[in-house]
Amino acid sequence: MEYEVVDTQVSPTGRLEVLSRTEAVKLLHEGHGGLHELYRNCSLAVLSCGNELDDGKELLERYRAFDIRIVQRPRGIKLDIKGAPASAFVDGKIIAGIRDHLFAVLRDVIYVSDEIRDNPRFALDTSDGVTDAVFHILRNACVLQPVADPNVVVCWGGHSISREEYDYTKLVGHQLGLRGLDVCTGCGPGAMKGPMKGAAIAHAKQRIANGRYIGFTEPGIIASEAPNPIVNELVIFPDVEKRLEAFVRTGHGFVVFPGGVGTAEEILYVLGVLLHPGNAELPFPLIFTGPKSAEAYFRQIDQFVGATLGAEAQRRYQIIIDDPEQVARAIQAGIKQVRSFRKQQRDAYYFNSLLRIEHDFQRPFRPSHESMRKLKLQKNQPKHTLAANLRRAFSGIVAGNVKDEGIRAIEKHGSFEIYGDPAIMEPMDALMSSFVAQQRMKISTRKYNPCYRIVAG
């Protein structure tokens, strides 16, 4: 099947208008040390906004002829684009938000390559070094802005949810926006787009002209969760772990909507961080919410958390069902506590530096059949360490579901095998089975074939 495509050239609008010769060569080079494949794939994902795809491999195969090249000119650069999805254009002109996202990709790919990787300034084998790298990526993207009142609400949830659940995310976003709160999400469709859409309408009602719609993504997930055009501050992190840390360092309140295994991964990450003894006293508003039809989903999540991480983890969040106003009021009250605490501790409002994050949560996890088999999923370890390992298991399933590299590994070697104590694996199997039954593990419109096999023992 052929898809409509566009060839064009795009100029920047005040963002990264010049590149050094070395940077341009890196972006054009396809071999070892080159950035062209990474840059091309992320750019294609940005341009595919609006395509109903949640499979990174399928997107790359659909637009095999797509390419993007840097054109160096005496007065600055242009992007020469071939075979781009036509949905990114209106009457032959690229949508302004998508153009901005293209140059955000360029900015972050270059910055991470030149300033973060292999830079002795950043000791990425230490917790402080990783946090410093996350800070600099955010600062380079101009996300860290001094503010008098913290107001960033991180919203997590699935990219493929029901219409009822999507409409509910818009209602919550609307209530947040009416209270002058900004929204940060994983930047894709579904529960990542809905809160931004609701907040944008509310900001217009309140005559808030500088509303922030912040999106954090990474190269492995961007193809299956293309940034939605509402995002006006897009950041591409080099891996899942730095993306997750950016959320908890930047956000002041957290709302979790229904989703699938990716949302469960985010929940496990944040609970694992909060279970660290050093974070016991930090205010951290965390609310799980959805329409009445999603109540069973959150009860299943709550049961899984209780069975694996215990009552202490369950005390770190609140479940509010079918009440957008109450969600917004609870988040607003929680953010007031955050402001008071950080003011007392003389900590910045724009970056939560007091939050303790173990290096276990920061080390990039590369899902493979061997690494998935070796995960330590036993009860005889600290709860925050168990949460880190559970998060990796869910991350591997996300990779096998939607990421190009993970899908190809499953096709070649069969399903991942996940081993652990029966007391952990049985609740995990029940949770995964509920996701399948509720169609929260579907890939596009195809029948879901599990990319994993749970083995107790």
Protein backbone atom coordinates (compact mmCIF):
# COMPACT_ATOMS: atom_id res chain seq x y z
CA MET A 1 0.00 0.00 0.00
CA GLU A 2 1.26 3.48 -0.88
CA TYR A 3 0.93 6.46 1.46
CA GLU A 4 0.81 10.11 0.44
CA VAL A 5 4.16 11.83 1.01
CA VAL A 6 5.67 15.28 0.61
CA ASP A 7 9.13 16.52 -0.41
CA THR A 8 10.06 19.93 0.96
CA GLN A 9 12.65 22.15 2.62
CA VAL A 10 12.10 23.66 6.07
CA SER A 11 13.86 26.59 7.72
CA PRO A 12 14.12 27.17 11.47
CA THR A 13 12.24 29.99 13.16
CA GLY A 14 14.69 31.27 15.73
CA ARG A 15 15.75 27.81 16.93
CA LEU A 16 19.15 26.33 16.16
CA GLU A 17 19.69 28.30 12.98
CA VAL A 18 23.34 27.32 12.57
CA LEU A 19 25.40 24.13 12.95
CA SER A 20 29.14 23.59 12.93
CA ARG A 21 30.63 21.61 10.06
CA THR A 22 31.42 18.76 12.48
CA GLU A 23 27.82 18.62 13.73
CA ALA A 24 26.45 18.59 10.19
CA VAL A 25 28.79 15.75 9.21
CA LYS A 26 27.65 13.71 12.25
CA LEU A 27 24.02 14.12 11.28
CA LEU A 28 24.74 13.01 7.70
CA HIS A 29 27.02 10.09 8.62
CA GLU A 30 25.33 6.67 8.71
CA GLY A 31 28.23 4.57 10.02
CA HIS A 32 29.79 4.13 13.46
CA GLY A 33 29.76 7.39 15.40
CA GLY A 34 27.22 8.92 13.04
CA LEU A 35 23.83 10.23 14.09
CA HIS A 36 21.91 10.00 10.85
CA GLU A 37 19.79 6.92 11.64
CA LEU A 38 18.83 8.22 15.08
CA TYR A 39 18.09 11.68 13.69
CA ARG A 40 16.13 10.29 10.72
CA ASN A 41 13.97 7.97 12.83
CA CYS A 42 13.10 10.62 15.43
CA SER A 43 12.30 13.14 12.70
CA LEU A 44 10.01 10.66 10.94
CA ALA A 45 8.20 10.02 14.23
CA VAL A 46 7.59 13.75 14.71
CA LEU A 47 6.29 14.09 11.14
CA SER A 48 3.96 11.09 11.58
CA CYS A 49 1.77 12.93 14.10
CA GLY A 50 -1.85 11.98 13.49
CA ASN A 51 -1.12 8.56 11.97
CA GLU A 52 -2.97 5.82 13.86
CA LEU A 53 0.10 3.69 14.56
CA ASP A 54 1.49 2.34 17.82
CA ASP A 55 4.17 0.14 16.29
CA GLY A 56 7.63 1.65 15.71
CA LYS A 57 8.68 -1.10 13.29
CA GLU A 58 5.58 -0.60 11.13
CA LEU A 59 6.14 3.16 10.91
CA LEU A 60 9.74 2.73 9.72
CA GLU A 61 8.65 0.16 7.14
CA ARG A 62 5.72 2.26 5.92
CA TYR A 63 8.00 5.20 5.08
CA ARG A 64 11.16 3.41 3.98
CA ALA A 65 12.00 6.15 1.46
CA PHE A 66 11.86 8.93 4.03
CA ASP A 67 15.06 10.90 4.51
CA ILE A 68 16.12 14.19 6.05
CA ARG A 69 19.37 16.03 5.36
CA ILE A 70 21.03 19.21 6.58
CA VAL A 71 21.61 21.90 3.96
CA GLN A 72 24.36 24.31 5.03
CA ARG A 73 23.93 27.82 3.63
CA PRO A 74 25.89 31.03 4.25
CA ARG A 75 22.91 32.49 6.11
CA GLY A 76 22.04 29.35 8.12
CA ILE A 77 20.66 25.83 7.72
CA LYS A 78 17.67 24.26 6.05
CA LEU A 79 16.26 20.76 6.38
CA ASP A 80 15.85 18.92 3.08
CA ILE A 81 13.03 16.40 3.59
CA LYS A 82 12.08 13.59 1.22
CA GLY A 83 9.06 11.29 1.51
CA ALA A 84 7.53 12.84 4.67
CA PRO A 85 4.00 11.83 5.76
CA ALA A 86 1.54 14.24 4.14
CA SER A 87 -0.44 14.55 7.39
CA ALA A 88 2.26 16.93 8.70
CA PHE A 89 1.39 19.52 6.05
CA VAL A 90 -1.54 21.82 5.25
CA ASP A 91 -1.75 23.13 1.68
CA GLY A 92 1.88 22.18 1.19
CA LYS A 93 3.12 23.98 4.33
CA ILE A 94 4.36 22.16 7.41
CA ILE A 95 2.23 22.61 10.55
CA ALA A 96 4.04 25.13 12.78
CA GLY A 97 4.03 22.93 15.88
CA ILE A 98 5.48 20.00 13.94
CA ARG A 99 8.18 22.25 12.47
CA ASP A 100 9.15 23.29 16.00
CA HIS A 101 9.31 19.63 17.02
CA LEU A 102 11.63 18.88 14.08
CA PHE A 103 14.11 21.43 15.34
CA ALA A 104 13.72 20.18 18.93
CA VAL A 105 14.83 16.77 17.66
CA LEU A 106 17.83 18.38 15.96
CA ARG A 107 18.71 20.37 19.09
CA ASP A 108 18.54 17.40 21.48
CA VAL A 109 20.25 14.83 19.26
CA ILE A 110 23.18 17.20 18.76
CA TYR A 111 23.35 18.32 22.40
CA VAL A 112 23.35 14.81 23.87
CA SER A 113 25.98 13.69 21.37
CA ASP A 114 28.28 16.71 21.79
CA GLU A 115 27.81 17.59 25.45
CA ILE A 116 26.56 14.55 27.41
CA ARG A 117 27.90 11.30 25.94
CA ASP A 118 31.58 10.55 26.66
CA ASN A 119 31.93 13.90 28.43
CA PRO A 120 34.06 13.58 31.60
CA ARG A 121 32.03 16.43 33.10
CA PHE A 122 29.13 14.01 33.55
CA ALA A 123 29.96 10.92 35.63
CA LEU A 124 27.12 8.83 34.25
CA ASP A 125 28.20 5.88 36.38
CA THR A 126 27.07 7.82 39.47
CA SER A 127 23.65 8.97 40.63
CA ASP A 128 24.69 12.64 40.91
CA GLY A 129 26.25 12.53 37.45
CA VAL A 130 23.07 11.26 35.80
CA THR A 131 20.96 13.86 37.60
CA ASP A 132 23.37 16.56 36.45
CA ALA A 133 23.00 15.35 32.85
CA VAL A 134 19.19 15.43 33.12
CA PHE A 135 19.41 18.99 34.50
CA HIS A 136 21.60 20.16 31.62
CA ILE A 137 19.38 18.58 28.95
CA LEU A 138 16.36 20.32 30.46
CA ARG A 139 18.19 23.63 30.78
CA ASN A 140 19.46 23.48 27.20
CA ALA A 141 15.83 22.99 26.09
CA CYS A 142 14.80 26.06 28.17
CA VAL A 143 12.39 23.97 30.27
CA LEU A 144 13.87 25.06 33.61
CA GLN A 145 12.28 28.44 34.20
CA PRO A 146 12.43 30.34 37.52
CA VAL A 147 8.86 30.70 38.77
CA ALA A 148 7.21 32.25 41.79
CA ASP A 149 4.64 29.46 42.05
CA PRO A 150 5.20 25.82 41.08
CA ASN A 151 2.42 24.74 38.71
CA VAL A 152 3.56 21.85 36.48
CA VAL A 153 1.32 18.78 36.61
CA VAL A 154 2.72 15.60 35.07
CA CYS A 155 0.01 13.44 33.47
CA TRP A 156 0.70 9.80 32.64
CA GLY A 157 -1.54 7.28 30.90
CA GLY A 158 -1.96 5.14 27.83
CA HIS A 159 -1.58 6.26 24.24
CA SER A 160 -4.29 3.80 23.11
CA ILE A 161 -7.33 4.26 25.36
CA SER A 162 -11.10 4.26 24.90
CA ARG A 163 -12.98 7.35 23.79
CA GLU A 164 -14.62 7.61 27.22
CA GLU A 165 -11.24 7.55 28.96
CA TYR A 166 -9.80 10.08 26.51
CA ASP A 167 -12.70 12.47 27.09
CA TYR A 168 -12.17 12.12 30.84
CA THR A 169 -8.50 13.13 30.50
CA LYS A 170 -9.65 16.29 28.72
CA LEU A 171 -12.06 17.08 31.57
CA VAL A 172 -9.28 16.73 34.14
CA GLY A 173 -6.93 18.83 32.01
CA HIS A 174 -9.63 21.47 31.74
CA GLN A 175 -10.01 21.65 35.52
CA LEU A 176 -6.23 21.90 35.92
CA GLY A 177 -6.02 24.67 33.32
CA LEU A 178 -8.83 26.67 34.96
CA ARG A 179 -6.65 26.77 38.07
CA GLY A 180 -3.66 28.11 36.12
CA LEU A 181 -1.78 24.81 36.13
CA ASP A 182 0.44 23.71 33.22
CA VAL A 183 0.67 20.17 31.86
CA CYS A 184 3.62 17.89 31.19
CA THR A 185 3.12 14.46 29.56
CA GLY A 186 4.89 11.84 27.50
CA CYS A 187 3.79 14.07 24.57
CA GLY A 188 2.01 11.42 22.51
CA PRO A 189 -1.70 10.76 21.77
CA GLY A 190 -4.40 9.41 24.11
CA ALA A 191 -3.92 10.23 27.80
CA MET A 192 -0.90 12.36 26.88
CA LYS A 193 -2.82 14.60 24.48
CA GLY A 194 -6.18 14.83 26.28
CA PRO A 195 -5.01 16.76 29.38
CA MET A 196 -3.15 19.24 27.17
CA LYS A 197 -6.20 19.78 25.00
CA GLY A 198 -8.40 20.38 28.03
CA ALA A 199 -5.85 22.69 29.65
CA ALA A 200 -5.38 24.68 26.41
CA ILE A 201 -9.12 25.47 26.27
CA ALA A 202 -9.15 26.40 29.96
CA HIS A 203 -6.10 28.62 29.55
CA ALA A 204 -7.89 30.43 26.71
CA LYS A 205 -10.91 30.98 28.97
CA GLN A 206 -8.66 32.36 31.70
CA ARG A 207 -6.74 34.49 29.16
CA ILE A 208 -3.52 32.69 29.98
CA ALA A 209 -1.40 33.32 26.89
CA ASN A 210 1.77 31.56 28.04
CA GLY A 211 0.41 28.14 28.95
CA ARG A 212 3.05 25.42 28.93
CA TYR A 213 2.44 22.01 27.34
CA ILE A 214 5.65 20.13 28.00
CA GLY A 215 6.43 16.78 26.35
CA PHE A 216 9.21 14.35 27.29
CA THR A 217 10.06 11.43 25.02
CA GLU A 218 12.99 9.24 23.95
CA PRO A 219 14.13 7.60 20.70
CA GLY A 220 12.82 4.12 21.53
CA ILE A 221 9.23 5.20 22.15
CA ILE A 222 8.78 8.25 19.93
CA ALA A 223 7.84 6.27 16.80
CA SER A 224 4.87 4.61 18.53
CA GLU A 225 3.87 7.74 20.46
CA ALA A 226 4.46 10.61 18.04
CA PRO A 227 4.41 14.03 19.76
CA ASN A 228 1.05 15.74 19.46
CA PRO A 229 1.14 19.30 18.01
CA ILE A 230 -0.20 20.90 21.21
CA VAL A 231 3.20 20.31 22.84
CA ASN A 232 5.07 23.63 22.82
CA GLU A 233 8.14 22.43 24.76
CA LEU A 234 9.43 19.11 23.44
CA VAL A 235 12.50 17.34 24.84
CA ILE A 236 14.00 14.10 23.49
CA PHE A 237 16.04 12.29 26.17
CA PRO A 238 18.63 9.65 25.25
CA ASP A 239 16.90 6.82 27.15
CA VAL A 240 13.83 5.84 29.19
CA GLU A 241 15.53 6.29 32.53
CA LYS A 242 16.57 9.92 31.98
CA ARG A 243 13.11 10.66 30.63
CA LEU A 244 11.50 9.25 33.78
CA GLU A 245 13.87 11.18 36.02
CA ALA A 246 13.05 14.38 34.13
CA PHE A 247 9.36 13.88 34.93
CA VAL A 248 9.87 13.53 38.68
CA ARG A 249 12.44 16.35 38.85
CA THR A 250 10.28 18.78 36.84
CA GLY A 251 6.74 18.03 37.99
CA HIS A 252 5.04 19.40 41.10
CA GLY A 253 1.94 17.18 41.02
CA PHE A 254 1.25 13.86 39.28
CA VAL A 255 -1.94 12.45 37.76
CA VAL A 256 -2.08 8.91 36.38
CA PHE A 257 -4.84 7.99 33.93
CA PRO A 258 -5.70 4.48 32.67
CA GLY A 259 -3.15 2.89 30.39
CA GLY A 260 -1.35 -0.36 29.83
CA VAL A 261 2.03 -1.79 30.61
CA GLY A 262 3.85 1.49 29.91
CA THR A 263 1.72 3.28 32.49
CA ALA A 264 2.37 0.47 34.98
CA GLU A 265 6.10 0.97 34.33
CA GLU A 266 5.78 4.67 35.21
CA ILE A 267 3.82 3.84 38.36
CA LEU A 268 6.47 1.35 39.49
CA TYR A 269 9.21 3.88 38.80
CA VAL A 270 7.67 6.67 40.85
CA LEU A 271 6.68 4.35 43.72
CA GLY A 272 10.17 2.86 43.79
CA VAL A 273 11.65 6.36 44.05
CA LEU A 274 9.21 7.37 46.78
CA LEU A 275 9.90 4.18 48.78
CA HIS A 276 13.53 5.19 49.25
CA PRO A 277 13.92 6.06 52.97
CA GLY A 278 15.45 9.42 52.03
CA ASN A 279 12.20 10.49 50.34
CA ALA A 280 9.83 9.57 53.16
CA GLU A 281 9.11 13.17 54.17
CA LEU A 282 8.98 14.76 50.70
CA PRO A 283 5.50 15.95 49.67
CA PHE A 284 4.68 14.36 46.32
CA PRO A 285 1.02 14.63 45.21
CA LEU A 286 0.19 11.48 43.24
CA ILE A 287 -3.35 10.69 42.09
CA PHE A 288 -4.71 7.78 40.04
CA THR A 289 -7.93 8.70 38.25
CA GLY A 290 -10.30 7.73 35.46
CA PRO A 291 -14.01 7.49 34.63
CA LYS A 292 -16.23 5.01 36.45
CA SER A 293 -15.51 2.39 33.80
CA ALA A 294 -11.79 2.51 34.72
CA GLU A 295 -12.33 1.74 38.42
CA ALA A 296 -11.57 -1.97 37.94
CA TYR A 297 -8.29 -1.07 36.22
CA PHE A 298 -7.07 0.97 39.18
CA ARG A 299 -8.26 -1.58 41.71
CA GLN A 300 -6.19 -4.19 39.86
CA ILE A 301 -3.16 -1.86 39.93
CA ASP A 302 -3.74 -1.23 43.64
CA GLN A 303 -3.93 -4.96 44.37
CA PHE A 304 -0.72 -5.58 42.45
CA VAL A 305 1.11 -2.80 44.31
CA GLY A 306 -0.14 -4.12 47.65
CA ALA A 307 0.88 -7.71 46.85
CA THR A 308 4.38 -6.79 45.65
CA LEU A 309 5.44 -3.53 47.32
CA GLY A 310 3.13 -3.46 50.32
CA ALA A 311 0.94 -0.99 52.20
CA GLU A 312 3.68 1.64 52.44
CA ALA A 313 3.63 2.01 48.64
CA GLN A 314 -0.18 2.16 48.60
CA ARG A 315 -0.09 5.09 51.05
CA ARG A 316 1.88 7.21 48.56
CA TYR A 317 -1.05 7.67 46.17
CA GLN A 318 -4.76 8.49 46.18
CA ILE A 319 -7.37 6.96 43.87
CA ILE A 320 -10.14 9.34 42.73
CA ILE A 321 -12.75 7.93 40.35
CA ASP A 322 -14.96 9.98 38.03
CA ASP A 323 -14.43 13.39 39.63
CA PRO A 324 -12.23 15.79 37.57
CA GLU A 325 -12.85 18.74 39.91
CA GLN A 326 -11.76 16.78 42.96
CA VAL A 327 -8.61 15.66 41.12
CA ALA A 328 -7.71 19.26 40.30
CA ARG A 329 -8.45 20.47 43.84
CA ALA A 330 -6.37 17.67 45.37
CA ILE A 331 -3.46 18.39 43.04
CA GLN A 332 -3.65 22.11 43.76
CA ALA A 333 -3.61 21.45 47.52
CA GLY A 334 -0.67 19.06 47.13
CA ILE A 335 1.30 21.61 45.10
CA LYS A 336 0.83 24.16 47.89
CA GLN A 337 2.55 21.67 50.22
CA VAL A 338 5.34 21.22 47.68
CA ARG A 339 5.85 24.99 47.49
CA SER A 340 5.94 25.36 51.27
CA PHE A 341 8.40 22.46 51.68
CA ARG A 342 10.79 23.66 48.98
CA LYS A 343 10.66 27.23 50.28
CA GLN A 344 11.52 25.96 53.76
CA GLN A 345 14.35 23.78 52.39
CA ARG A 346 15.55 26.53 50.02
CA ASP A 347 15.16 24.18 47.07
CA ALA A 348 14.33 25.41 43.57
CA TYR A 349 10.74 25.24 42.36
CA TYR A 350 11.84 24.33 38.82
CA PHE A 351 13.95 21.23 39.63
CA ASN A 352 13.40 18.82 42.53
CA SER A 353 17.02 18.32 43.59
CA LEU A 354 16.12 17.01 47.07
CA LEU A 355 14.51 13.86 45.65
CA ARG A 356 16.80 10.86 46.19
CA ILE A 357 17.03 8.56 43.16
CA GLU A 358 19.14 5.40 43.44
CA HIS A 359 21.51 4.60 40.59
CA ASP A 360 19.50 1.39 40.06
CA PHE A 361 16.70 3.58 38.71
CA GLN A 362 19.05 5.54 36.45
CA ARG A 363 21.05 2.84 34.68
CA PRO A 364 19.70 2.30 31.16
CA PHE A 365 18.08 -1.12 30.85
CA ARG A 366 18.51 -2.78 27.46
CA PRO A 367 15.76 -5.39 27.15
CA SER A 368 17.05 -8.64 25.69
CA HIS A 369 16.12 -12.27 26.23
CA GLU A 370 19.12 -12.68 28.53
CA SER A 371 18.58 -9.48 30.55
CA MET A 372 14.87 -10.25 31.02
CA ARG A 373 15.65 -13.77 32.28
CA LYS A 374 18.20 -12.39 34.78
CA LEU A 375 15.90 -9.89 36.47
CA LYS A 376 15.77 -10.33 40.26
CA LEU A 377 12.09 -10.55 41.10
CA GLN A 378 12.23 -11.93 44.63
CA LYS A 379 10.81 -10.59 47.89
CA ASN A 380 14.12 -10.79 49.81
CA GLN A 381 15.31 -7.31 48.80
CA PRO A 382 14.44 -3.73 49.75
CA LYS A 383 11.08 -2.63 48.40
CA HIS A 384 12.54 0.20 46.31
CA THR A 385 15.03 -2.24 44.73
CA LEU A 386 12.23 -4.69 43.91
CA ALA A 387 10.29 -1.81 42.35
CA ALA A 388 13.29 -0.98 40.16
CA ASN A 389 13.47 -4.57 38.90
CA LEU A 390 9.71 -4.77 38.34
CA ARG A 391 9.97 -1.53 36.37
CA ARG A 392 12.62 -3.13 34.15
CA ALA A 393 10.36 -6.14 33.51
CA PHE A 394 7.53 -3.85 32.39
CA SER A 395 10.00 -1.79 30.32
CA GLY A 396 11.01 -4.96 28.48
CA ILE A 397 7.38 -5.75 27.69
CA VAL A 398 6.89 -2.23 26.35
CA ALA A 399 9.92 -2.77 24.09
CA GLY A 400 8.58 -6.08 22.84
CA ASN A 401 5.18 -4.50 22.16
CA VAL A 402 5.99 -1.25 20.34
CA LYS A 403 9.72 -0.56 19.90
CA ASP A 404 11.37 -1.46 16.59
CA GLU A 405 14.38 -3.18 18.19
CA GLY A 406 12.26 -5.10 20.70
CA ILE A 407 9.74 -6.27 18.09
CA ARG A 408 12.54 -7.59 15.87
CA ALA A 409 14.13 -9.44 18.82
CA ILE A 410 10.81 -11.15 19.60
CA GLU A 411 10.34 -12.10 15.94
CA LYS A 412 13.81 -13.63 15.88
CA HIS A 413 14.03 -15.37 19.27
CA GLY A 414 10.45 -15.76 20.51
CA SER A 415 8.88 -14.41 23.69
CA PHE A 416 10.82 -12.95 26.63
CA GLU A 417 10.84 -15.21 29.70
CA ILE A 418 10.38 -13.54 33.10
CA TYR A 419 11.28 -15.52 36.24
CA GLY A 420 10.60 -14.76 39.92
CA ASP A 421 8.96 -15.72 43.19
CA PRO A 422 5.40 -17.05 42.81
CA ALA A 423 4.28 -14.37 45.31
CA ILE A 424 5.36 -11.77 42.74
CA MET A 425 4.83 -13.54 39.45
CA GLU A 426 1.24 -14.60 40.12
CA PRO A 427 0.00 -11.03 40.80
CA MET A 428 2.04 -9.86 37.81
CA ASP A 429 0.46 -12.50 35.59
CA ALA A 430 -3.00 -11.52 36.85
CA LEU A 431 -2.30 -7.84 36.12
CA MET A 432 -1.05 -8.59 32.60
CA SER A 433 -4.04 -10.84 31.95
CA SER A 434 -6.38 -8.03 33.00
CA PHE A 435 -4.60 -5.67 30.58
CA VAL A 436 -5.16 -8.14 27.74
CA ALA A 437 -8.82 -8.70 28.70
CA GLN A 438 -9.42 -4.93 28.78
CA GLN A 439 -7.62 -4.55 25.41
CA ARG A 440 -4.88 -2.43 26.99
CA MET A 441 -2.11 -4.42 25.29
CA LYS A 442 -3.35 -4.14 21.71
CA ILE A 443 -1.07 -3.14 18.86
CA SER A 444 -3.01 -1.10 16.29
CA THR A 445 -6.03 -3.21 15.30
CA ARG A 446 -4.25 -6.56 15.28
CA LYS A 447 -4.93 -9.30 17.81
CA TYR A 448 -2.44 -9.04 20.66
CA ASN A 449 0.21 -11.77 20.77
CA PRO A 450 2.10 -11.61 24.08
CA CYS A 451 5.81 -10.81 23.78
CA TYR A 452 6.52 -12.38 27.18
CA ARG A 453 6.03 -15.55 29.19
CA ILE A 454 5.82 -15.40 33.00
CA VAL A 455 7.51 -18.29 34.81
CA ALA A 456 7.19 -18.68 38.58
CA GLY A 457 10.15 -20.28 40.33
